[in-house]
Amino acid sequence: MKCLAVYENGINSRENKMDRTSVFPLKSLGIPLRVLAAVIGGWAFSWSFAAFGTASLAALGSEFHDAEAASMMLGVLIFAGVVMWVFAARSQLRVWAVLLGGSLLFNLIALQLQRMILS
């Protein structure tokens, strides 16, 4: 009887489902967008962090290859953390904003540090 009442209220009706997807068109793309954010955004964020870490450690006087190895190892851990966070976060907009903004910020700082080291 409970199933019949649910169907009569329109919860399982085709019209109600179409209304919800037309109002929120990105809801149906939720998982693919999160996978894209985890793979592409996570890679960009961790690569940018590795570039920032390498430039920072080199600017502080560390050997370049030591700084690069340490930054890359930490970048792999950051990538794993970002992948988990992407699927745990409530807002996809926040996920994309943090990943793109963080990548841009780390790249700009790394670029300035590299220019400072080379000049």
N, C-alpha and C. Protein backbone atom coordinates (compact mmCIF):
# COMPACT_ATOMS: atom_id res chain seq x y z
N MET A 1 0.82 -1.20 0.00
CA MET A 1 0.00 0.00 0.00
C MET A 1 0.86 1.26 0.00
N LYS A 2 1.99 1.19 0.69
CA LYS A 2 2.87 2.34 0.75
C LYS A 2 3.40 2.70 -0.64
N CYS A 3 3.74 1.70 -1.45
CA CYS A 3 4.23 1.95 -2.80
C CYS A 3 3.17 2.63 -3.64
N LEU A 4 1.93 2.24 -3.48
CA LEU A 4 0.84 2.84 -4.23
C LEU A 4 0.68 4.30 -3.84
N ALA A 5 0.81 4.62 -2.55
CA ALA A 5 0.67 6.01 -2.10
C ALA A 5 1.81 6.87 -2.64
N VAL A 6 3.00 6.32 -2.69
CA VAL A 6 4.14 7.07 -3.23
C VAL A 6 3.93 7.36 -4.70
N TYR A 7 3.45 6.37 -5.45
CA TYR A 7 3.21 6.55 -6.86
C TYR A 7 2.12 7.57 -7.12
N GLU A 8 1.06 7.55 -6.30
CA GLU A 8 -0.03 8.49 -6.47
C GLU A 8 0.40 9.91 -6.16
N ASN A 9 1.35 10.10 -5.26
CA ASN A 9 1.82 11.44 -4.94
C ASN A 9 2.74 12.01 -6.01
N GLY A 10 3.12 11.20 -6.97
CA GLY A 10 3.91 11.71 -8.07
C GLY A 10 5.41 11.62 -7.87
N ILE A 11 5.86 10.97 -6.81
CA ILE A 11 7.30 10.90 -6.56
C ILE A 11 7.99 10.06 -7.63
N ASN A 12 7.37 8.98 -8.06
CA ASN A 12 7.98 8.12 -9.06
C ASN A 12 7.46 8.40 -10.47
N SER A 13 6.71 9.44 -10.64
CA SER A 13 6.14 9.69 -11.96
C SER A 13 7.19 10.26 -12.90
N ARG A 14 7.01 10.02 -14.17
CA ARG A 14 7.95 10.49 -15.19
C ARG A 14 7.95 12.01 -15.27
N GLU A 15 6.80 12.64 -15.12
CA GLU A 15 6.71 14.10 -15.22
C GLU A 15 7.52 14.77 -14.12
N ASN A 16 7.40 14.27 -12.90
CA ASN A 16 8.13 14.87 -11.78
C ASN A 16 9.63 14.73 -11.98
N LYS A 17 10.08 13.60 -12.50
CA LYS A 17 11.50 13.39 -12.73
C LYS A 17 12.01 14.35 -13.81
N MET A 18 11.23 14.56 -14.84
CA MET A 18 11.65 15.48 -15.89
C MET A 18 11.69 16.91 -15.38
N ASP A 19 10.77 17.27 -14.49
CA ASP A 19 10.77 18.62 -13.94
C ASP A 19 12.03 18.86 -13.11
N ARG A 20 12.43 17.90 -12.32
CA ARG A 20 13.62 18.07 -11.48
C ARG A 20 14.87 18.18 -12.33
N THR A 21 14.99 17.41 -13.41
CA THR A 21 16.19 17.49 -14.22
C THR A 21 16.22 18.75 -15.07
N SER A 22 15.06 19.29 -15.41
CA SER A 22 15.06 20.51 -16.20
C SER A 22 15.43 21.71 -15.33
N VAL A 23 15.10 21.68 -14.06
CA VAL A 23 15.46 22.77 -13.16
C VAL A 23 16.95 22.69 -12.80
N PHE A 24 17.45 21.50 -12.57
CA PHE A 24 18.85 21.28 -12.20
C PHE A 24 19.52 20.43 -13.27
N PRO A 25 19.93 21.02 -14.39
CA PRO A 25 20.48 20.20 -15.47
C PRO A 25 21.82 19.57 -15.13
N LEU A 26 22.58 20.14 -14.20
CA LEU A 26 23.88 19.57 -13.85
C LEU A 26 23.78 18.42 -12.86
N LYS A 27 22.60 18.19 -12.28
CA LYS A 27 22.44 17.09 -11.34
C LYS A 27 22.71 15.75 -12.02
N SER A 28 22.32 15.61 -13.26
CA SER A 28 22.54 14.35 -13.95
C SER A 28 24.00 14.16 -14.32
N LEU A 29 24.77 15.23 -14.34
CA LEU A 29 26.20 15.15 -14.64
C LEU A 29 27.05 15.18 -13.39
N GLY A 30 26.46 14.95 -12.23
CA GLY A 30 27.17 15.08 -10.96
C GLY A 30 28.41 14.21 -10.86
N ILE A 31 28.26 12.92 -11.10
CA ILE A 31 29.40 12.01 -10.97
C ILE A 31 30.43 12.24 -12.07
N PRO A 32 30.05 12.36 -13.35
CA PRO A 32 31.08 12.63 -14.36
C PRO A 32 31.84 13.93 -14.13
N LEU A 33 31.16 14.97 -13.64
CA LEU A 33 31.86 16.22 -13.35
C LEU A 33 32.82 16.07 -12.18
N ARG A 34 32.44 15.28 -11.20
CA ARG A 34 33.34 15.04 -10.07
C ARG A 34 34.55 14.21 -10.49
N VAL A 35 34.33 13.24 -11.35
CA VAL A 35 35.46 12.45 -11.85
C VAL A 35 36.41 13.34 -12.65
N LEU A 36 35.85 14.21 -13.48
CA LEU A 36 36.66 15.15 -14.24
C LEU A 36 37.42 16.10 -13.31
N ALA A 37 36.75 16.57 -12.28
CA ALA A 37 37.42 17.45 -11.32
C ALA A 37 38.52 16.71 -10.58
N ALA A 38 38.26 15.46 -10.22
CA ALA A 38 39.27 14.69 -9.49
C ALA A 38 40.49 14.43 -10.35
N VAL A 39 40.27 14.03 -11.59
CA VAL A 39 41.40 13.65 -12.45
C VAL A 39 42.12 14.88 -12.99
N ILE A 40 41.41 15.73 -13.70
CA ILE A 40 42.04 16.89 -14.35
C ILE A 40 42.37 17.98 -13.33
N GLY A 41 41.39 18.34 -12.52
CA GLY A 41 41.63 19.38 -11.51
C GLY A 41 42.64 18.96 -10.46
N GLY A 42 42.55 17.69 -10.04
CA GLY A 42 43.51 17.19 -9.06
C GLY A 42 44.92 17.16 -9.61
N TRP A 43 45.06 16.77 -10.87
CA TRP A 43 46.37 16.77 -11.50
C TRP A 43 46.92 18.19 -11.60
N ALA A 44 46.10 19.13 -12.05
CA ALA A 44 46.56 20.52 -12.18
C ALA A 44 46.95 21.10 -10.83
N PHE A 45 46.15 20.82 -9.81
CA PHE A 45 46.43 21.36 -8.48
C PHE A 45 47.71 20.77 -7.91
N SER A 46 47.87 19.45 -8.01
CA SER A 46 49.06 18.82 -7.44
C SER A 46 50.31 19.17 -8.24
N TRP A 47 50.20 19.29 -9.55
CA TRP A 47 51.34 19.70 -10.36
C TRP A 47 51.75 21.13 -10.03
N SER A 48 50.77 22.00 -9.86
CA SER A 48 51.06 23.39 -9.50
C SER A 48 51.71 23.47 -8.14
N PHE A 49 51.23 22.65 -7.20
CA PHE A 49 51.84 22.63 -5.88
C PHE A 49 53.28 22.12 -5.97
N ALA A 50 53.53 21.12 -6.80
CA ALA A 50 54.89 20.60 -6.95
C ALA A 50 55.81 21.67 -7.56
N ALA A 51 55.32 22.42 -8.52
CA ALA A 51 56.12 23.50 -9.10
C ALA A 51 56.40 24.58 -8.06
N PHE A 52 55.40 24.91 -7.26
CA PHE A 52 55.57 25.90 -6.20
C PHE A 52 56.55 25.39 -5.15
N GLY A 53 56.42 24.13 -4.75
CA GLY A 53 57.32 23.56 -3.75
C GLY A 53 58.75 23.49 -4.24
N THR A 54 58.93 23.10 -5.50
CA THR A 54 60.27 23.04 -6.07
C THR A 54 60.91 24.41 -6.11
N ALA A 55 60.18 25.41 -6.58
CA ALA A 55 60.72 26.76 -6.65
C ALA A 55 60.98 27.32 -5.25
N SER A 56 60.10 27.03 -4.31
CA SER A 56 60.28 27.54 -2.94
C SER A 56 61.51 26.93 -2.29
N LEU A 57 61.65 25.62 -2.39
CA LEU A 57 62.80 24.96 -1.77
C LEU A 57 64.10 25.36 -2.46
N ALA A 58 64.07 25.53 -3.77
CA ALA A 58 65.27 25.98 -4.48
C ALA A 58 65.63 27.41 -4.09
N ALA A 59 64.63 28.26 -3.88
CA ALA A 59 64.90 29.63 -3.46
C ALA A 59 65.46 29.69 -2.04
N LEU A 60 65.11 28.70 -1.23
CA LEU A 60 65.63 28.65 0.14
C LEU A 60 67.03 28.03 0.22
N GLY A 61 67.55 27.59 -0.92
CA GLY A 61 68.92 27.10 -0.95
C GLY A 61 69.07 25.60 -1.06
N SER A 62 68.01 24.87 -1.21
CA SER A 62 68.09 23.42 -1.36
C SER A 62 68.57 23.07 -2.77
N GLU A 63 69.18 21.91 -2.90
CA GLU A 63 69.56 21.44 -4.23
C GLU A 63 68.31 21.25 -5.07
N PHE A 64 68.40 21.56 -6.37
CA PHE A 64 67.22 21.51 -7.23
C PHE A 64 66.60 20.13 -7.27
N HIS A 65 67.42 19.09 -7.47
CA HIS A 65 66.86 17.75 -7.63
C HIS A 65 66.28 17.22 -6.31
N ASP A 66 66.85 17.62 -5.19
CA ASP A 66 66.26 17.25 -3.90
C ASP A 66 64.92 17.95 -3.71
N ALA A 67 64.87 19.22 -4.06
CA ALA A 67 63.62 19.98 -3.95
C ALA A 67 62.55 19.41 -4.87
N GLU A 68 62.97 19.03 -6.07
CA GLU A 68 62.03 18.47 -7.04
C GLU A 68 61.48 17.13 -6.56
N ALA A 69 62.36 16.27 -6.06
CA ALA A 69 61.91 14.95 -5.59
C ALA A 69 60.97 15.09 -4.39
N ALA A 70 61.32 15.95 -3.45
CA ALA A 70 60.46 16.14 -2.28
C ALA A 70 59.10 16.71 -2.67
N SER A 71 59.10 17.67 -3.57
CA SER A 71 57.85 18.29 -4.00
C SER A 71 56.97 17.31 -4.77
N MET A 72 57.59 16.49 -5.60
CA MET A 72 56.81 15.52 -6.37
C MET A 72 56.20 14.45 -5.46
N MET A 73 56.97 14.00 -4.47
CA MET A 73 56.42 13.01 -3.54
C MET A 73 55.25 13.60 -2.74
N LEU A 74 55.40 14.83 -2.31
CA LEU A 74 54.30 15.48 -1.60
C LEU A 74 53.13 15.75 -2.54
N GLY A 75 53.42 16.04 -3.80
CA GLY A 75 52.37 16.26 -4.79
C GLY A 75 51.50 15.04 -5.01
N VAL A 76 52.11 13.84 -4.95
CA VAL A 76 51.34 12.60 -5.10
C VAL A 76 50.37 12.44 -3.93
N LEU A 77 50.84 12.75 -2.73
CA LEU A 77 49.95 12.68 -1.56
C LEU A 77 48.83 13.72 -1.65
N ILE A 78 49.17 14.89 -2.12
CA ILE A 78 48.15 15.94 -2.28
C ILE A 78 47.12 15.52 -3.33
N PHE A 79 47.58 14.89 -4.41
CA PHE A 79 46.65 14.41 -5.43
C PHE A 79 45.66 13.41 -4.83
N ALA A 80 46.15 12.48 -4.03
CA ALA A 80 45.25 11.51 -3.39
C ALA A 80 44.26 12.20 -2.47
N GLY A 81 44.71 13.18 -1.71
CA GLY A 81 43.82 13.93 -0.83
C GLY A 81 42.78 14.73 -1.60
N VAL A 82 43.20 15.33 -2.71
CA VAL A 82 42.27 16.12 -3.52
C VAL A 82 41.20 15.22 -4.13
N VAL A 83 41.58 14.03 -4.59
CA VAL A 83 40.61 13.11 -5.17
C VAL A 83 39.55 12.74 -4.13
N MET A 84 39.97 12.46 -2.92
CA MET A 84 39.00 12.12 -1.86
C MET A 84 38.13 13.32 -1.52
N TRP A 85 38.73 14.51 -1.47
CA TRP A 85 37.97 15.70 -1.12
C TRP A 85 36.93 16.04 -2.19
N VAL A 86 37.28 15.83 -3.46
CA VAL A 86 36.35 16.15 -4.55
C VAL A 86 35.05 15.36 -4.39
N PHE A 87 35.14 14.10 -3.99
CA PHE A 87 33.94 13.30 -3.85
C PHE A 87 33.25 13.51 -2.51
N ALA A 88 33.93 14.08 -1.54
CA ALA A 88 33.33 14.32 -0.23
C ALA A 88 32.70 15.70 -0.13
N ALA A 89 33.12 16.62 -0.96
CA ALA A 89 32.63 18.00 -0.88
C ALA A 89 31.17 18.09 -1.30
N ARG A 90 30.46 19.01 -0.70
CA ARG A 90 29.03 19.18 -1.03
C ARG A 90 28.83 19.98 -2.31
N SER A 91 29.65 20.99 -2.51
CA SER A 91 29.44 21.90 -3.62
C SER A 91 30.47 21.68 -4.73
N GLN A 92 29.99 21.38 -5.92
CA GLN A 92 30.89 21.24 -7.06
C GLN A 92 31.49 22.57 -7.47
N LEU A 93 30.73 23.63 -7.29
CA LEU A 93 31.24 24.95 -7.61
C LEU A 93 32.45 25.29 -6.73
N ARG A 94 32.36 24.98 -5.46
CA ARG A 94 33.48 25.21 -4.55
C ARG A 94 34.69 24.36 -4.94
N VAL A 95 34.43 23.11 -5.33
CA VAL A 95 35.52 22.22 -5.74
C VAL A 95 36.27 22.81 -6.93
N TRP A 96 35.53 23.20 -7.96
CA TRP A 96 36.17 23.75 -9.15
C TRP A 96 36.86 25.07 -8.83
N ALA A 97 36.25 25.90 -7.99
CA ALA A 97 36.87 27.18 -7.64
C ALA A 97 38.19 26.98 -6.89
N VAL A 98 38.20 26.06 -5.95
CA VAL A 98 39.43 25.81 -5.18
C VAL A 98 40.51 25.21 -6.08
N LEU A 99 40.13 24.24 -6.91
CA LEU A 99 41.13 23.60 -7.76
C LEU A 99 41.70 24.55 -8.80
N LEU A 100 40.84 25.28 -9.47
CA LEU A 100 41.33 26.22 -10.49
C LEU A 100 42.03 27.41 -9.87
N GLY A 101 41.45 27.97 -8.81
CA GLY A 101 42.09 29.11 -8.14
C GLY A 101 43.41 28.74 -7.50
N GLY A 102 43.45 27.58 -6.84
CA GLY A 102 44.69 27.14 -6.22
C GLY A 102 45.77 26.85 -7.25
N SER A 103 45.38 26.23 -8.36
CA SER A 103 46.35 25.95 -9.42
C SER A 103 46.92 27.24 -9.99
N LEU A 104 46.05 28.19 -10.24
CA LEU A 104 46.50 29.48 -10.77
C LEU A 104 47.42 30.19 -9.78
N LEU A 105 47.04 30.19 -8.52
CA LEU A 105 47.84 30.86 -7.50
C LEU A 105 49.21 30.21 -7.34
N PHE A 106 49.25 28.89 -7.23
CA PHE A 106 50.53 28.19 -7.10
C PHE A 106 51.42 28.41 -8.32
N ASN A 107 50.83 28.39 -9.51
CA ASN A 107 51.62 28.61 -10.72
C ASN A 107 52.18 30.02 -10.79
N LEU A 108 51.38 31.02 -10.42
CA LEU A 108 51.87 32.39 -10.46
C LEU A 108 52.99 32.63 -9.45
N ILE A 109 52.84 32.08 -8.25
CA ILE A 109 53.89 32.23 -7.24
C ILE A 109 55.15 31.49 -7.68
N ALA A 110 55.01 30.29 -8.22
CA ALA A 110 56.17 29.53 -8.70
C ALA A 110 56.87 30.27 -9.83
N LEU A 111 56.10 30.87 -10.73
CA LEU A 111 56.69 31.63 -11.83
C LEU A 111 57.50 32.81 -11.31
N GLN A 112 56.96 33.52 -10.33
CA GLN A 112 57.68 34.67 -9.77
C GLN A 112 58.94 34.21 -9.03
N LEU A 113 58.86 33.11 -8.30
CA LEU A 113 60.04 32.59 -7.61
C LEU A 113 61.11 32.15 -8.61
N GLN A 114 60.70 31.52 -9.70
CA GLN A 114 61.67 31.11 -10.71
C GLN A 114 62.33 32.30 -11.36
N ARG A 115 61.58 33.35 -11.63
CA ARG A 115 62.17 34.57 -12.19
C ARG A 115 63.16 35.20 -11.21
N MET A 116 62.80 35.15 -9.93
CA MET A 116 63.69 35.71 -8.91
C MET A 116 64.98 34.90 -8.82
N ILE A 117 64.88 33.59 -8.90
CA ILE A 117 66.07 32.73 -8.81
C ILE A 117 66.97 32.94 -10.02
N LEU A 118 66.39 33.07 -11.19
CA LEU A 118 67.19 33.18 -12.42
C LEU A 118 67.74 34.57 -12.67
N SER A 119 67.25 35.57 -11.98
CA SER A 119 67.76 36.92 -12.23
C SER A 119 68.91 37.29 -11.32
